[in-house]
């Protein structure tokens, strides 16, 4: 699958032998887990990992954690919607609404709850980024914002105006909070424009971010 957005940064990541070995293992595990079942999702995950890594370098955040989170962020997307709902119910995740209404949001949280036992070498910041990459939040770390944005703007995404605007902010090295706001708010607008269910907590996050930006 050809990439349509080619944003370059001057710096390249430098990993020690243990970090590189773990990243290689994560990518190999992802391929075994996902490629045959969801080949497009597999390529998307790799593209998110590369984009998050580059953003981390540009914004002074750990590129290793960014790449690891990008590789694993959609791990549970190999499951059907019913299987994701069953897993969320088994884990006791509480959304305050029927799981069926928020099924697109579940996979990040279920993966963040179950994958740490498989990869104890990864820090909590990786799991936090995976957990919030679907819903977002009003008080995210730099890594969380990077993974959220990378998921929405990676080069395999369609070159639509909303994505193009956020990519331009990244290219211009706009403040990360502004890049995140662009990605999050345009995601909310898309849900409204397509007349889909808007999770109430999403509106709470939106309003909190609006108030923070007005101060």
N, C-alpha and C. Protein backbone atom coordinates (compact mmCIF):
# COMPACT_ATOMS: atom_id res chain seq x y z
N UNK A 1 0.85 -1.19 0.00
CA UNK A 1 0.00 0.00 0.00
C UNK A 1 0.88 1.24 0.00
N UNK A 2 0.71 2.11 -0.97
CA UNK A 2 1.56 3.28 -1.11
C UNK A 2 1.13 4.37 -0.13
N UNK A 3 2.10 5.05 0.43
CA UNK A 3 1.83 6.16 1.31
C UNK A 3 1.60 7.42 0.47
N UNK A 4 0.64 8.27 0.89
CA UNK A 4 0.33 9.47 0.14
C UNK A 4 0.89 10.72 0.80
N UNK A 5 1.30 10.63 2.05
CA UNK A 5 1.82 11.79 2.77
C UNK A 5 3.24 11.48 3.20
N UNK A 6 4.18 12.27 2.75
CA UNK A 6 5.58 11.98 3.01
C UNK A 6 6.20 13.13 3.79
N UNK A 7 5.98 13.12 5.09
CA UNK A 7 6.53 14.13 5.98
C UNK A 7 7.85 13.62 6.54
N UNK A 8 8.88 14.44 6.42
CA UNK A 8 10.21 14.00 6.83
C UNK A 8 10.71 14.84 8.00
N UNK A 9 11.43 14.19 8.89
CA UNK A 9 12.12 14.90 9.96
C UNK A 9 13.61 14.61 9.81
N UNK A 10 14.43 15.56 10.23
CA UNK A 10 15.87 15.41 10.04
C UNK A 10 16.49 14.33 10.91
N UNK A 11 15.98 14.19 12.12
CA UNK A 11 16.57 13.27 13.08
C UNK A 11 16.06 11.85 12.85
N UNK A 12 16.88 10.88 13.13
CA UNK A 12 16.47 9.48 13.06
C UNK A 12 16.61 8.85 14.45
N UNK A 13 15.74 7.90 14.78
CA UNK A 13 15.82 7.30 16.11
C UNK A 13 17.07 6.46 16.27
N UNK A 14 17.56 6.41 17.49
CA UNK A 14 18.71 5.57 17.82
C UNK A 14 18.32 4.68 19.00
N UNK A 15 18.19 3.39 18.74
CA UNK A 15 17.77 2.46 19.77
C UNK A 15 18.92 1.56 20.18
N UNK A 16 18.93 1.19 21.46
CA UNK A 16 19.94 0.22 21.88
C UNK A 16 19.49 -1.17 21.44
N UNK A 17 20.34 -2.14 21.65
CA UNK A 17 20.08 -3.49 21.13
C UNK A 17 18.80 -4.09 21.70
N UNK A 18 18.56 -3.86 23.00
CA UNK A 18 17.36 -4.42 23.63
C UNK A 18 16.09 -3.78 23.08
N UNK A 19 16.13 -2.47 22.90
CA UNK A 19 14.96 -1.77 22.36
C UNK A 19 14.67 -2.23 20.94
N UNK A 20 15.70 -2.32 20.11
CA UNK A 20 15.50 -2.74 18.73
C UNK A 20 14.98 -4.17 18.66
N UNK A 21 15.49 -5.03 19.53
CA UNK A 21 15.03 -6.42 19.55
C UNK A 21 13.55 -6.49 19.94
N UNK A 22 13.15 -5.65 20.89
CA UNK A 22 11.75 -5.66 21.30
C UNK A 22 10.84 -5.11 20.21
N UNK A 23 11.27 -4.04 19.54
CA UNK A 23 10.47 -3.51 18.44
C UNK A 23 10.34 -4.53 17.31
N UNK A 24 11.41 -5.24 17.02
CA UNK A 24 11.35 -6.29 15.99
C UNK A 24 10.38 -7.39 16.41
N UNK A 25 10.41 -7.73 17.68
CA UNK A 25 9.50 -8.77 18.19
C UNK A 25 8.05 -8.30 18.11
N UNK A 26 7.79 -7.04 18.48
CA UNK A 26 6.43 -6.52 18.41
C UNK A 26 5.90 -6.54 16.98
N UNK A 27 6.74 -6.15 16.04
CA UNK A 27 6.29 -6.14 14.64
C UNK A 27 6.05 -7.55 14.13
N UNK A 28 6.91 -8.48 14.52
CA UNK A 28 6.72 -9.87 14.10
C UNK A 28 5.45 -10.46 14.73
N UNK A 29 5.23 -10.15 16.00
CA UNK A 29 4.01 -10.63 16.67
C UNK A 29 2.77 -10.02 16.04
N UNK A 30 2.84 -8.73 15.71
CA UNK A 30 1.71 -8.08 15.07
C UNK A 30 1.40 -8.73 13.72
N UNK A 31 2.44 -9.04 12.96
CA UNK A 31 2.24 -9.68 11.67
C UNK A 31 1.56 -11.03 11.82
N UNK A 32 2.02 -11.83 12.78
CA UNK A 32 1.41 -13.15 13.02
C UNK A 32 -0.03 -13.01 13.49
N UNK A 33 -0.28 -12.01 14.29
CA UNK A 33 -1.60 -11.82 14.90
C UNK A 33 -2.62 -11.23 13.93
N UNK A 34 -2.18 -10.34 13.03
CA UNK A 34 -3.12 -9.50 12.29
C UNK A 34 -3.06 -9.62 10.78
N UNK A 35 -1.91 -9.86 10.20
CA UNK A 35 -1.77 -9.68 8.75
C UNK A 35 -2.71 -10.55 7.94
N UNK A 36 -2.84 -11.81 8.29
CA UNK A 36 -3.69 -12.71 7.51
C UNK A 36 -5.17 -12.39 7.68
N UNK A 37 -5.54 -11.88 8.86
CA UNK A 37 -6.94 -11.63 9.17
C UNK A 37 -7.37 -10.24 8.71
N UNK A 38 -6.53 -9.25 8.98
CA UNK A 38 -6.84 -7.85 8.66
C UNK A 38 -5.60 -7.19 8.03
N UNK A 39 -5.31 -7.50 6.77
CA UNK A 39 -4.07 -6.98 6.16
C UNK A 39 -4.00 -5.47 6.10
N UNK A 40 -5.12 -4.82 5.84
CA UNK A 40 -5.13 -3.35 5.79
C UNK A 40 -4.91 -2.76 7.18
N UNK A 41 -5.48 -3.39 8.18
CA UNK A 41 -5.28 -2.93 9.56
C UNK A 41 -3.83 -3.13 9.98
N UNK A 42 -3.22 -4.20 9.52
CA UNK A 42 -1.80 -4.44 9.80
C UNK A 42 -0.94 -3.33 9.22
N UNK A 43 -1.18 -2.98 7.97
CA UNK A 43 -0.40 -1.91 7.34
C UNK A 43 -0.67 -0.57 8.01
N UNK A 44 -1.91 -0.35 8.39
CA UNK A 44 -2.25 0.87 9.13
C UNK A 44 -1.47 0.94 10.44
N UNK A 45 -1.41 -0.15 11.17
CA UNK A 45 -0.71 -0.16 12.45
C UNK A 45 0.77 0.16 12.28
N UNK A 46 1.38 -0.43 11.26
CA UNK A 46 2.79 -0.13 11.00
C UNK A 46 2.97 1.34 10.61
N UNK A 47 2.03 1.88 9.86
CA UNK A 47 2.11 3.27 9.44
C UNK A 47 1.92 4.21 10.62
N UNK A 48 1.00 3.88 11.51
CA UNK A 48 0.82 4.67 12.73
C UNK A 48 2.10 4.65 13.56
N UNK A 49 2.73 3.48 13.66
CA UNK A 49 3.97 3.37 14.43
C UNK A 49 5.06 4.27 13.87
N UNK A 50 5.21 4.28 12.56
CA UNK A 50 6.23 5.13 11.94
C UNK A 50 5.90 6.61 12.12
N UNK A 51 4.63 6.96 11.98
CA UNK A 51 4.23 8.36 12.13
C UNK A 51 4.41 8.82 13.57
N UNK A 52 4.01 7.98 14.52
CA UNK A 52 4.17 8.33 15.93
C UNK A 52 5.64 8.48 16.30
N UNK A 53 6.47 7.60 15.77
CA UNK A 53 7.92 7.67 16.01
C UNK A 53 8.48 9.00 15.50
N UNK A 54 8.09 9.39 14.29
CA UNK A 54 8.57 10.65 13.72
C UNK A 54 8.06 11.85 14.50
N UNK A 55 6.80 11.81 14.92
CA UNK A 55 6.26 12.89 15.72
C UNK A 55 6.97 12.99 17.06
N UNK A 56 7.28 11.86 17.66
CA UNK A 56 7.99 11.86 18.94
C UNK A 56 9.36 12.52 18.80
N UNK A 57 10.05 12.22 17.72
CA UNK A 57 11.34 12.86 17.47
C UNK A 57 11.17 14.36 17.30
N UNK A 58 10.13 14.77 16.58
CA UNK A 58 9.91 16.19 16.32
C UNK A 58 9.51 16.95 17.57
N UNK A 59 8.80 16.29 18.49
CA UNK A 59 8.27 16.96 19.67
C UNK A 59 9.00 16.60 20.96
N UNK A 60 10.14 15.94 20.85
CA UNK A 60 10.96 15.69 22.02
C UNK A 60 10.40 14.67 22.98
N UNK A 61 9.70 13.67 22.44
CA UNK A 61 9.13 12.59 23.24
C UNK A 61 9.82 11.28 22.86
N UNK A 62 9.74 10.29 23.71
CA UNK A 62 10.44 9.02 23.51
C UNK A 62 9.95 8.30 22.25
N UNK A 63 10.77 8.20 21.21
CA UNK A 63 10.32 7.55 19.97
C UNK A 63 10.10 6.05 20.14
N UNK A 64 10.83 5.42 21.05
CA UNK A 64 10.65 3.98 21.26
C UNK A 64 9.24 3.69 21.76
N UNK A 65 8.80 4.42 22.79
CA UNK A 65 7.45 4.21 23.32
C UNK A 65 6.40 4.54 22.28
N UNK A 66 6.65 5.59 21.48
CA UNK A 66 5.69 5.98 20.45
C UNK A 66 5.55 4.89 19.40
N UNK A 67 6.67 4.33 18.98
CA UNK A 67 6.59 3.28 17.96
C UNK A 67 5.95 2.02 18.51
N UNK A 68 6.28 1.66 19.73
CA UNK A 68 5.69 0.46 20.34
C UNK A 68 4.18 0.62 20.48
N UNK A 69 3.75 1.78 20.96
CA UNK A 69 2.31 2.03 21.10
C UNK A 69 1.61 2.00 19.75
N UNK A 70 2.26 2.57 18.73
CA UNK A 70 1.67 2.56 17.40
C UNK A 70 1.49 1.15 16.86
N UNK A 71 2.48 0.31 17.08
CA UNK A 71 2.37 -1.06 16.59
C UNK A 71 1.22 -1.82 17.26
N UNK A 72 1.00 -1.57 18.55
CA UNK A 72 0.05 -2.38 19.31
C UNK A 72 -1.33 -1.74 19.46
N UNK A 73 -1.51 -0.51 19.00
CA UNK A 73 -2.72 0.23 19.36
C UNK A 73 -4.00 -0.44 18.86
N UNK A 74 -3.97 -1.10 17.74
CA UNK A 74 -5.17 -1.74 17.19
C UNK A 74 -5.16 -3.26 17.34
N UNK A 75 -4.43 -3.76 18.30
CA UNK A 75 -4.26 -5.20 18.48
C UNK A 75 -5.60 -5.94 18.51
N UNK A 76 -6.56 -5.39 19.22
CA UNK A 76 -7.85 -6.08 19.37
C UNK A 76 -8.81 -5.83 18.22
N UNK A 77 -8.37 -5.13 17.19
CA UNK A 77 -9.21 -4.94 16.01
C UNK A 77 -9.38 -6.22 15.20
N UNK A 78 -8.61 -7.25 15.50
CA UNK A 78 -8.82 -8.53 14.83
C UNK A 78 -10.12 -9.18 15.32
N UNK A 79 -10.63 -8.72 16.45
CA UNK A 79 -11.86 -9.27 17.00
C UNK A 79 -13.07 -8.62 16.33
N UNK A 80 -14.15 -9.37 16.23
CA UNK A 80 -15.39 -8.80 15.73
C UNK A 80 -15.95 -7.83 16.78
N UNK A 81 -16.94 -7.03 16.38
CA UNK A 81 -17.56 -6.11 17.32
C UNK A 81 -18.15 -6.86 18.51
N UNK A 82 -18.79 -7.98 18.24
CA UNK A 82 -19.39 -8.78 19.33
C UNK A 82 -18.31 -9.32 20.26
N UNK A 83 -17.18 -9.73 19.70
CA UNK A 83 -16.09 -10.24 20.52
C UNK A 83 -15.45 -9.12 21.35
N UNK A 84 -15.35 -7.94 20.79
CA UNK A 84 -14.82 -6.81 21.56
C UNK A 84 -15.75 -6.45 22.70
N UNK A 85 -17.04 -6.47 22.44
CA UNK A 85 -18.02 -6.18 23.48
C UNK A 85 -17.94 -7.22 24.59
N UNK A 86 -17.83 -8.49 24.20
CA UNK A 86 -17.74 -9.56 25.20
C UNK A 86 -16.48 -9.39 26.05
N UNK A 87 -15.39 -9.00 25.42
CA UNK A 87 -14.13 -8.81 26.15
C UNK A 87 -14.23 -7.62 27.10
N UNK A 88 -14.84 -6.54 26.65
CA UNK A 88 -15.02 -5.37 27.50
C UNK A 88 -15.90 -5.70 28.70
N UNK A 89 -16.94 -6.49 28.46
CA UNK A 89 -17.83 -6.89 29.54
C UNK A 89 -17.09 -7.79 30.53
N UNK A 90 -16.28 -8.70 30.01
CA UNK A 90 -15.51 -9.60 30.87
C UNK A 90 -14.52 -8.83 31.74
N UNK A 91 -13.94 -7.77 31.17
CA UNK A 91 -12.98 -6.95 31.90
C UNK A 91 -13.65 -5.97 32.85
N UNK A 92 -14.97 -5.84 32.73
CA UNK A 92 -15.71 -4.94 33.61
C UNK A 92 -15.53 -3.47 33.27
N UNK A 93 -15.24 -3.16 32.00
CA UNK A 93 -15.08 -1.76 31.60
C UNK A 93 -16.44 -1.06 31.67
N UNK A 94 -16.45 0.09 32.29
CA UNK A 94 -17.72 0.80 32.51
C UNK A 94 -17.74 2.08 31.67
N UNK A 95 -18.61 2.11 30.69
CA UNK A 95 -18.75 3.30 29.84
C UNK A 95 -20.00 4.10 30.20
N UNK A 96 -20.85 3.55 31.05
CA UNK A 96 -22.06 4.25 31.42
C UNK A 96 -23.17 4.20 30.39
N UNK A 97 -22.90 3.54 29.26
CA UNK A 97 -23.90 3.36 28.21
C UNK A 97 -23.76 1.92 27.69
N UNK A 98 -24.71 1.50 26.88
CA UNK A 98 -24.62 0.16 26.31
C UNK A 98 -23.36 0.02 25.47
N UNK A 99 -22.69 -1.12 25.61
CA UNK A 99 -21.45 -1.36 24.86
C UNK A 99 -21.66 -1.22 23.35
N UNK A 100 -22.83 -1.61 22.88
CA UNK A 100 -23.10 -1.55 21.45
C UNK A 100 -22.98 -0.13 20.90
N UNK A 101 -23.25 0.86 21.74
CA UNK A 101 -23.20 2.25 21.30
C UNK A 101 -21.77 2.76 21.14
N UNK A 102 -20.84 2.10 21.83
CA UNK A 102 -19.45 2.59 21.83
C UNK A 102 -18.48 1.53 21.35
N UNK A 103 -18.95 0.59 20.56
CA UNK A 103 -18.07 -0.50 20.13
C UNK A 103 -16.81 -0.03 19.42
N UNK A 104 -16.83 1.10 18.65
CA UNK A 104 -15.58 1.54 18.01
C UNK A 104 -14.52 2.02 19.00
N UNK A 105 -14.92 2.29 20.24
CA UNK A 105 -13.99 2.81 21.24
C UNK A 105 -13.35 1.73 22.09
N UNK A 106 -13.85 0.51 22.02
CA UNK A 106 -13.48 -0.50 23.00
C UNK A 106 -12.09 -1.07 22.82
N UNK A 107 -11.62 -1.19 21.58
CA UNK A 107 -10.42 -2.00 21.32
C UNK A 107 -9.16 -1.45 21.97
N UNK A 108 -9.06 -0.13 22.08
CA UNK A 108 -7.87 0.42 22.73
C UNK A 108 -7.84 0.10 24.21
N UNK A 109 -8.99 0.16 24.85
CA UNK A 109 -9.06 -0.07 26.28
C UNK A 109 -8.90 -1.55 26.62
N UNK A 110 -9.47 -2.41 25.79
CA UNK A 110 -9.32 -3.84 26.07
C UNK A 110 -7.87 -4.28 25.85
N UNK A 111 -7.23 -3.76 24.81
CA UNK A 111 -5.83 -4.12 24.57
C UNK A 111 -4.93 -3.61 25.69
N UNK A 112 -5.18 -2.37 26.15
CA UNK A 112 -4.36 -1.80 27.22
C UNK A 112 -4.52 -2.56 28.53
N UNK A 113 -5.65 -3.21 28.68
CA UNK A 113 -5.89 -3.96 29.91
C UNK A 113 -5.28 -5.35 29.89
N UNK A 114 -5.06 -5.91 28.70
CA UNK A 114 -4.63 -7.31 28.62
C UNK A 114 -3.21 -7.52 28.10
N UNK A 115 -2.71 -6.59 27.30
CA UNK A 115 -1.39 -6.79 26.70
C UNK A 115 -0.20 -6.62 27.65
N UNK A 116 -0.30 -5.86 28.74
CA UNK A 116 0.87 -5.70 29.60
C UNK A 116 1.47 -7.00 30.10
N UNK A 117 0.66 -8.02 30.28
CA UNK A 117 1.20 -9.29 30.75
C UNK A 117 2.04 -9.98 29.67
N UNK A 118 1.76 -9.68 28.40
CA UNK A 118 2.53 -10.26 27.31
C UNK A 118 3.82 -9.49 27.06
N UNK A 119 3.79 -8.20 27.37
CA UNK A 119 4.96 -7.34 27.12
C UNK A 119 5.28 -6.51 28.35
N UNK A 120 5.73 -7.16 29.43
CA UNK A 120 6.01 -6.42 30.67
C UNK A 120 7.17 -5.45 30.54
N UNK A 121 7.94 -5.58 29.46
CA UNK A 121 9.08 -4.67 29.26
C UNK A 121 8.62 -3.25 28.94
N UNK A 122 7.40 -3.11 28.45
CA UNK A 122 6.90 -1.80 28.07
C UNK A 122 6.34 -1.07 29.28
N UNK A 123 6.54 0.24 29.31
CA UNK A 123 6.11 1.04 30.45
C UNK A 123 4.64 1.41 30.39
N UNK A 124 4.15 1.92 31.51
CA UNK A 124 2.73 2.29 31.60
C UNK A 124 2.36 3.38 30.61
N UNK A 125 3.34 4.20 30.21
CA UNK A 125 3.03 5.27 29.27
C UNK A 125 2.57 4.71 27.92
N UNK A 126 3.08 3.54 27.56
CA UNK A 126 2.65 2.90 26.31
C UNK A 126 1.19 2.47 26.41
N UNK A 127 0.84 1.85 27.54
CA UNK A 127 -0.53 1.36 27.71
C UNK A 127 -1.51 2.51 27.85
N UNK A 128 -1.08 3.60 28.49
CA UNK A 128 -1.94 4.78 28.59
C UNK A 128 -2.24 5.34 27.20
N UNK A 129 -1.21 5.38 26.33
CA UNK A 129 -1.41 5.90 24.98
C UNK A 129 -2.34 5.01 24.17
N UNK A 130 -2.21 3.70 24.33
CA UNK A 130 -3.10 2.78 23.62
C UNK A 130 -4.53 2.90 24.14
N UNK A 131 -4.66 3.04 25.45
CA UNK A 131 -6.00 3.14 26.05
C UNK A 131 -6.77 4.36 25.56
N UNK A 132 -6.09 5.48 25.36
CA UNK A 132 -6.78 6.73 25.02
C UNK A 132 -6.78 7.05 23.52
N UNK A 133 -6.27 6.16 22.69
CA UNK A 133 -6.13 6.55 21.28
C UNK A 133 -7.47 6.60 20.54
N UNK A 134 -8.52 6.04 21.11
CA UNK A 134 -9.83 6.11 20.45
C UNK A 134 -10.68 7.25 21.02
N UNK A 135 -10.67 7.41 22.32
CA UNK A 135 -11.53 8.40 22.97
C UNK A 135 -10.84 9.75 23.14
N UNK A 136 -9.53 9.74 23.32
CA UNK A 136 -8.84 10.98 23.62
C UNK A 136 -9.00 11.32 25.10
N UNK A 137 -8.80 12.58 25.42
CA UNK A 137 -8.92 13.03 26.80
C UNK A 137 -8.59 14.50 26.89
N UNK A 138 -8.93 15.10 28.01
CA UNK A 138 -8.68 16.53 28.21
C UNK A 138 -7.32 16.80 28.84
N UNK A 139 -6.70 15.78 29.41
CA UNK A 139 -5.42 15.97 30.10
C UNK A 139 -4.46 14.84 29.70
N UNK A 140 -4.04 14.83 28.47
CA UNK A 140 -3.20 13.76 27.95
C UNK A 140 -1.72 14.13 28.03
N UNK A 141 -0.89 13.12 28.14
CA UNK A 141 0.56 13.31 28.05
C UNK A 141 0.92 13.58 26.59
N UNK A 142 2.16 14.02 26.37
CA UNK A 142 2.61 14.22 25.00
C UNK A 142 2.53 12.93 24.19
N UNK A 143 2.92 11.82 24.80
CA UNK A 143 2.87 10.55 24.08
C UNK A 143 1.44 10.18 23.72
N UNK A 144 0.52 10.37 24.64
CA UNK A 144 -0.89 10.07 24.35
C UNK A 144 -1.41 10.91 23.19
N UNK A 145 -1.08 12.20 23.20
CA UNK A 145 -1.53 13.06 22.09
C UNK A 145 -0.91 12.62 20.78
N UNK A 146 0.37 12.25 20.80
CA UNK A 146 1.05 11.84 19.58
C UNK A 146 0.41 10.59 18.98
N UNK A 147 0.13 9.59 19.79
CA UNK A 147 -0.46 8.35 19.27
C UNK A 147 -1.88 8.62 18.77
N UNK A 148 -2.63 9.43 19.48
CA UNK A 148 -3.98 9.80 19.02
C UNK A 148 -3.92 10.45 17.65
N UNK A 149 -3.03 11.43 17.50
CA UNK A 149 -2.92 12.16 16.23
C UNK A 149 -2.38 11.26 15.13
N UNK A 150 -1.34 10.49 15.43
CA UNK A 150 -0.74 9.62 14.42
C UNK A 150 -1.75 8.63 13.85
N UNK A 151 -2.65 8.16 14.70
CA UNK A 151 -3.69 7.24 14.25
C UNK A 151 -4.59 7.90 13.21
N UNK A 152 -4.80 9.19 13.35
CA UNK A 152 -5.72 9.89 12.45
C UNK A 152 -5.09 10.44 11.18
N UNK A 153 -3.76 10.63 11.18
CA UNK A 153 -3.15 11.31 10.02
C UNK A 153 -2.12 10.48 9.28
N UNK A 154 -1.90 9.24 9.70
CA UNK A 154 -0.86 8.43 9.06
C UNK A 154 -1.07 8.39 7.54
N UNK A 155 -0.01 8.18 6.77
CA UNK A 155 -0.06 8.36 5.32
C UNK A 155 -1.05 7.50 4.56
N UNK A 156 -1.51 6.41 5.14
CA UNK A 156 -2.47 5.57 4.43
C UNK A 156 -3.90 6.06 4.58
N UNK A 157 -4.11 7.05 5.46
CA UNK A 157 -5.44 7.65 5.58
C UNK A 157 -5.77 8.44 4.31
N UNK A 158 -7.06 8.54 4.00
CA UNK A 158 -7.48 9.30 2.83
C UNK A 158 -7.06 10.76 2.98
N UNK A 159 -6.70 11.36 1.86
CA UNK A 159 -6.20 12.73 1.86
C UNK A 159 -7.37 13.70 1.80
N UNK A 160 -8.17 13.73 2.89
CA UNK A 160 -9.32 14.63 2.96
C UNK A 160 -8.89 15.92 3.65
N UNK A 161 -9.72 16.95 3.54
CA UNK A 161 -9.35 18.27 4.01
C UNK A 161 -9.03 18.30 5.51
N UNK A 162 -9.84 17.64 6.32
CA UNK A 162 -9.64 17.67 7.77
C UNK A 162 -8.28 17.08 8.14
N UNK A 163 -7.94 15.96 7.53
CA UNK A 163 -6.66 15.31 7.80
C UNK A 163 -5.52 16.16 7.26
N UNK A 164 -5.73 16.74 6.10
CA UNK A 164 -4.71 17.59 5.50
C UNK A 164 -4.37 18.78 6.41
N UNK A 165 -5.37 19.35 7.04
CA UNK A 165 -5.15 20.49 7.93
C UNK A 165 -4.29 20.09 9.14
N UNK A 166 -4.58 18.95 9.71
CA UNK A 166 -3.79 18.51 10.87
C UNK A 166 -2.37 18.14 10.45
N UNK A 167 -2.23 17.49 9.31
CA UNK A 167 -0.89 17.18 8.81
C UNK A 167 -0.07 18.46 8.61
N UNK A 168 -0.72 19.51 8.12
CA UNK A 168 -0.02 20.77 7.88
C UNK A 168 0.50 21.35 9.20
N UNK A 169 -0.28 21.23 10.25
CA UNK A 169 0.17 21.71 11.56
C UNK A 169 1.40 20.94 12.02
N UNK A 170 1.40 19.63 11.78
CA UNK A 170 2.57 18.82 12.14
C UNK A 170 3.78 19.26 11.34
N UNK A 171 3.61 19.45 10.06
CA UNK A 171 4.71 19.89 9.20
C UNK A 171 5.28 21.23 9.66
N UNK A 172 4.40 22.11 10.14
CA UNK A 172 4.81 23.44 10.59
C UNK A 172 5.31 23.44 12.03
N UNK A 173 5.30 22.26 12.64
CA UNK A 173 5.72 22.10 14.04
C UNK A 173 4.92 23.02 14.97
N UNK A 174 3.62 23.06 14.74
CA UNK A 174 2.73 23.78 15.64
C UNK A 174 2.79 23.13 17.02
N UNK A 175 2.43 23.86 18.08
CA UNK A 175 2.41 23.24 19.42
C UNK A 175 1.59 21.95 19.41
N UNK A 176 2.07 20.96 20.13
CA UNK A 176 1.42 19.65 20.11
C UNK A 176 -0.02 19.75 20.59
N UNK A 177 -0.29 20.62 21.54
CA UNK A 177 -1.67 20.78 22.01
C UNK A 177 -2.59 21.27 20.89
N UNK A 178 -2.06 22.12 19.99
CA UNK A 178 -2.85 22.60 18.86
C UNK A 178 -3.06 21.50 17.82
N UNK A 179 -2.04 20.70 17.61
CA UNK A 179 -2.15 19.57 16.68
C UNK A 179 -3.21 18.59 17.20
N UNK A 180 -3.15 18.30 18.50
CA UNK A 180 -4.11 17.37 19.10
C UNK A 180 -5.53 17.94 19.01
N UNK A 181 -5.69 19.23 19.32
CA UNK A 181 -7.01 19.85 19.24
C UNK A 181 -7.57 19.75 17.82
N UNK A 182 -6.74 19.98 16.84
CA UNK A 182 -7.19 19.88 15.45
C UNK A 182 -7.70 18.48 15.16
N UNK A 183 -6.93 17.49 15.54
CA UNK A 183 -7.32 16.11 15.26
C UNK A 183 -8.58 15.72 16.03
N UNK A 184 -8.62 16.07 17.31
CA UNK A 184 -9.77 15.69 18.14
C UNK A 184 -11.04 16.39 17.68
N UNK A 185 -10.98 17.70 17.51
CA UNK A 185 -12.18 18.46 17.17
C UNK A 185 -12.71 18.08 15.79
N UNK A 186 -11.82 17.80 14.87
CA UNK A 186 -12.27 17.38 13.54
C UNK A 186 -12.88 15.98 13.59
N UNK A 187 -12.39 15.15 14.50
CA UNK A 187 -13.01 13.84 14.69
C UNK A 187 -14.43 13.97 15.23
N UNK A 188 -14.63 14.89 16.18
CA UNK A 188 -15.97 15.14 16.71
C UNK A 188 -16.89 15.66 15.60
N UNK A 189 -16.36 16.59 14.80
CA UNK A 189 -17.16 17.13 13.70
C UNK A 189 -17.56 16.04 12.71
N UNK A 190 -16.65 15.10 12.47
CA UNK A 190 -16.96 14.01 11.54
C UNK A 190 -18.10 13.14 12.07
N UNK A 191 -18.06 12.84 13.36
CA UNK A 191 -19.13 12.04 13.96
C UNK A 191 -20.47 12.75 13.81
N UNK A 192 -20.48 14.05 14.05
CA UNK A 192 -21.72 14.83 13.93
C UNK A 192 -22.18 14.90 12.47
N UNK A 193 -21.24 15.17 11.56
CA UNK A 193 -21.59 15.30 10.14
C UNK A 193 -22.17 14.00 9.59
N UNK A 194 -21.69 12.87 10.08
CA UNK A 194 -22.17 11.58 9.59
C UNK A 194 -23.34 11.04 10.43
N UNK A 195 -23.83 11.88 11.36
CA UNK A 195 -25.00 11.56 12.17
C UNK A 195 -24.85 10.25 12.92
N UNK A 196 -23.67 10.08 13.51
CA UNK A 196 -23.41 8.89 14.32
C UNK A 196 -23.61 9.23 15.80
N UNK A 197 -23.65 8.18 16.60
CA UNK A 197 -23.79 8.36 18.04
C UNK A 197 -22.53 9.02 18.60
N UNK A 198 -22.71 10.09 19.37
CA UNK A 198 -21.60 10.78 20.01
C UNK A 198 -21.60 10.42 21.49
N UNK A 199 -20.57 9.70 21.90
CA UNK A 199 -20.44 9.27 23.28
C UNK A 199 -20.44 10.49 24.20
N UNK A 200 -21.26 10.52 25.25
CA UNK A 200 -21.34 11.70 26.11
C UNK A 200 -19.99 12.15 26.68
N UNK A 201 -19.12 11.21 26.99
CA UNK A 201 -17.81 11.62 27.53
C UNK A 201 -16.99 12.37 26.48
N UNK A 202 -17.20 12.06 25.21
CA UNK A 202 -16.52 12.80 24.14
C UNK A 202 -16.92 14.26 24.19
N UNK A 203 -18.20 14.53 24.41
CA UNK A 203 -18.67 15.91 24.51
C UNK A 203 -18.08 16.58 25.75
N UNK A 204 -17.97 15.84 26.85
CA UNK A 204 -17.35 16.39 28.06
C UNK A 204 -15.91 16.79 27.80
N UNK A 205 -15.16 15.91 27.09
CA UNK A 205 -13.76 16.21 26.76
C UNK A 205 -13.69 17.44 25.86
N UNK A 206 -14.54 17.48 24.86
CA UNK A 206 -14.57 18.61 23.94
C UNK A 206 -14.80 19.92 24.71
N UNK A 207 -15.79 19.94 25.57
CA UNK A 207 -16.11 21.16 26.31
C UNK A 207 -14.96 21.56 27.24
N UNK A 208 -14.34 20.59 27.88
CA UNK A 208 -13.21 20.91 28.77
C UNK A 208 -12.04 21.49 27.99
N UNK A 209 -11.79 20.95 26.81
CA UNK A 209 -10.71 21.47 25.97
C UNK A 209 -11.04 22.88 25.48
N UNK A 210 -12.29 23.12 25.11
CA UNK A 210 -12.71 24.46 24.68
C UNK A 210 -12.49 25.48 25.79
N UNK A 211 -12.90 25.12 27.00
CA UNK A 211 -12.74 26.04 28.13
C UNK A 211 -11.26 26.30 28.42
N UNK A 212 -10.46 25.25 28.34
CA UNK A 212 -9.01 25.41 28.58
C UNK A 212 -8.38 26.32 27.55
N UNK A 213 -8.83 26.22 26.31
CA UNK A 213 -8.26 27.03 25.24
C UNK A 213 -8.68 28.50 25.36
N UNK A 214 -9.79 28.76 26.03
CA UNK A 214 -10.29 30.13 26.14
C UNK A 214 -9.69 30.89 27.32
N UNK A 215 -8.97 30.18 28.17
CA UNK A 215 -8.40 30.83 29.36
C UNK A 215 -7.16 31.63 29.01
